[in-house]
């Protein structure tokens, strides 16, 4: 992925977008600091559909009988 300064990206925005559509995203920098990424809308849609960890756990093919028993031993006491 190439890095391009903001002023250069402004001057050649059409080319930066065309490259992103072809699958070549660009990192936009300002004063040497990475600030943004230009990528295709198709790639953004793909990345935004990543399920959360909770959704992944809820979709796991595990029945209630397959879960291990919870350890119910009392917690140990500590002194600070």
Protein backbone atom coordinates (compact mmCIF):
# COMPACT_ATOMS: atom_id res chain seq x y z
CA UNK A 1 0.00 0.00 0.00
CA UNK A 2 1.51 3.30 -0.98
CA UNK A 3 1.64 6.42 1.12
CA UNK A 4 0.80 9.77 -0.40
CA UNK A 5 0.93 13.23 1.12
CA UNK A 6 -2.37 15.05 1.46
CA UNK A 7 -1.41 17.85 -0.92
CA UNK A 8 -0.41 15.30 -3.59
CA UNK A 9 -3.63 13.34 -3.03
CA UNK A 10 -5.64 16.52 -3.54
CA UNK A 11 -3.84 17.22 -6.80
CA UNK A 12 -4.40 13.70 -8.14
CA UNK A 13 -7.58 12.59 -6.35
CA UNK A 14 -9.06 11.02 -9.48
CA UNK A 15 -5.99 8.83 -9.95
CA UNK A 16 -5.93 7.87 -6.24
CA UNK A 17 -9.59 6.80 -6.45
CA UNK A 18 -9.01 4.89 -9.70
CA UNK A 19 -6.15 2.97 -8.05
CA UNK A 20 -8.33 2.16 -5.04
CA UNK A 21 -11.04 0.78 -7.33
CA UNK A 22 -8.38 -1.43 -8.97
CA UNK A 23 -7.52 -2.82 -5.53
CA UNK A 24 -4.58 -0.56 -4.65
CA UNK A 25 -5.55 1.48 -1.56
CA UNK A 26 -3.49 4.49 -0.50
CA UNK A 27 -2.57 5.86 2.92
CA UNK A 28 -2.95 9.64 3.13
CA UNK A 29 -0.38 11.37 5.34
CA UNK A 30 -0.36 14.87 6.78
CA UNK A 31 2.89 16.25 8.15
CA UNK A 32 4.36 12.73 7.99
CA UNK A 33 1.58 11.24 10.14
CA UNK A 34 -0.81 8.62 8.73
CA UNK A 35 -4.28 10.17 8.76
CA UNK A 36 -6.61 8.28 6.38
CA UNK A 37 -6.90 5.44 3.89
CA UNK A 38 -8.55 5.57 0.47
CA UNK A 39 -9.96 2.21 -0.56
CA UNK A 40 -12.71 1.04 -2.88
CA UNK A 41 -16.31 1.04 -1.72
CA UNK A 42 -16.48 -2.69 -2.40
CA UNK A 43 -13.52 -3.30 -0.06
CA UNK A 44 -15.01 -1.01 2.59
CA UNK A 45 -18.30 -2.96 2.46
CA UNK A 46 -16.42 -6.24 2.85
CA UNK A 47 -14.47 -4.96 5.85
CA UNK A 48 -17.50 -3.38 7.51
CA UNK A 49 -19.40 -6.68 7.50
CA UNK A 50 -16.93 -8.42 9.84
CA UNK A 51 -18.98 -9.87 12.70
CA UNK A 52 -18.26 -8.87 16.27
CA UNK A 53 -16.76 -11.33 18.73
CA UNK A 54 -20.15 -11.63 20.44
CA UNK A 55 -21.86 -12.46 17.14
CA UNK A 56 -19.26 -15.13 16.45
CA UNK A 57 -19.81 -16.68 19.88
CA UNK A 58 -23.58 -16.66 19.46
CA UNK A 59 -23.32 -18.38 16.08
CA UNK A 60 -21.05 -21.17 17.33
CA UNK A 61 -22.61 -24.61 16.76
CA UNK A 62 -22.57 -25.52 20.46
CA UNK A 63 -25.58 -26.71 22.41
CA UNK A 64 -26.17 -25.94 26.10
CA UNK A 65 -25.28 -29.54 26.99
CA UNK A 66 -21.85 -29.17 25.37
CA UNK A 67 -20.66 -26.34 27.62
CA UNK A 68 -18.37 -27.20 30.56
CA UNK A 69 -19.75 -26.92 34.07
CA UNK A 70 -19.06 -23.64 35.82
CA UNK A 71 -16.56 -23.81 38.68
CA UNK A 72 -18.55 -22.76 41.75
CA UNK A 73 -15.80 -23.04 44.36
CA UNK A 74 -15.69 -19.95 46.61
CA UNK A 75 -13.18 -17.26 45.80
CA UNK A 76 -10.09 -17.11 47.95
CA UNK A 77 -9.69 -14.23 50.36
CA UNK A 78 -6.81 -11.84 49.95
CA UNK A 79 -5.31 -9.21 52.17
CA UNK A 80 -4.02 -5.94 50.82
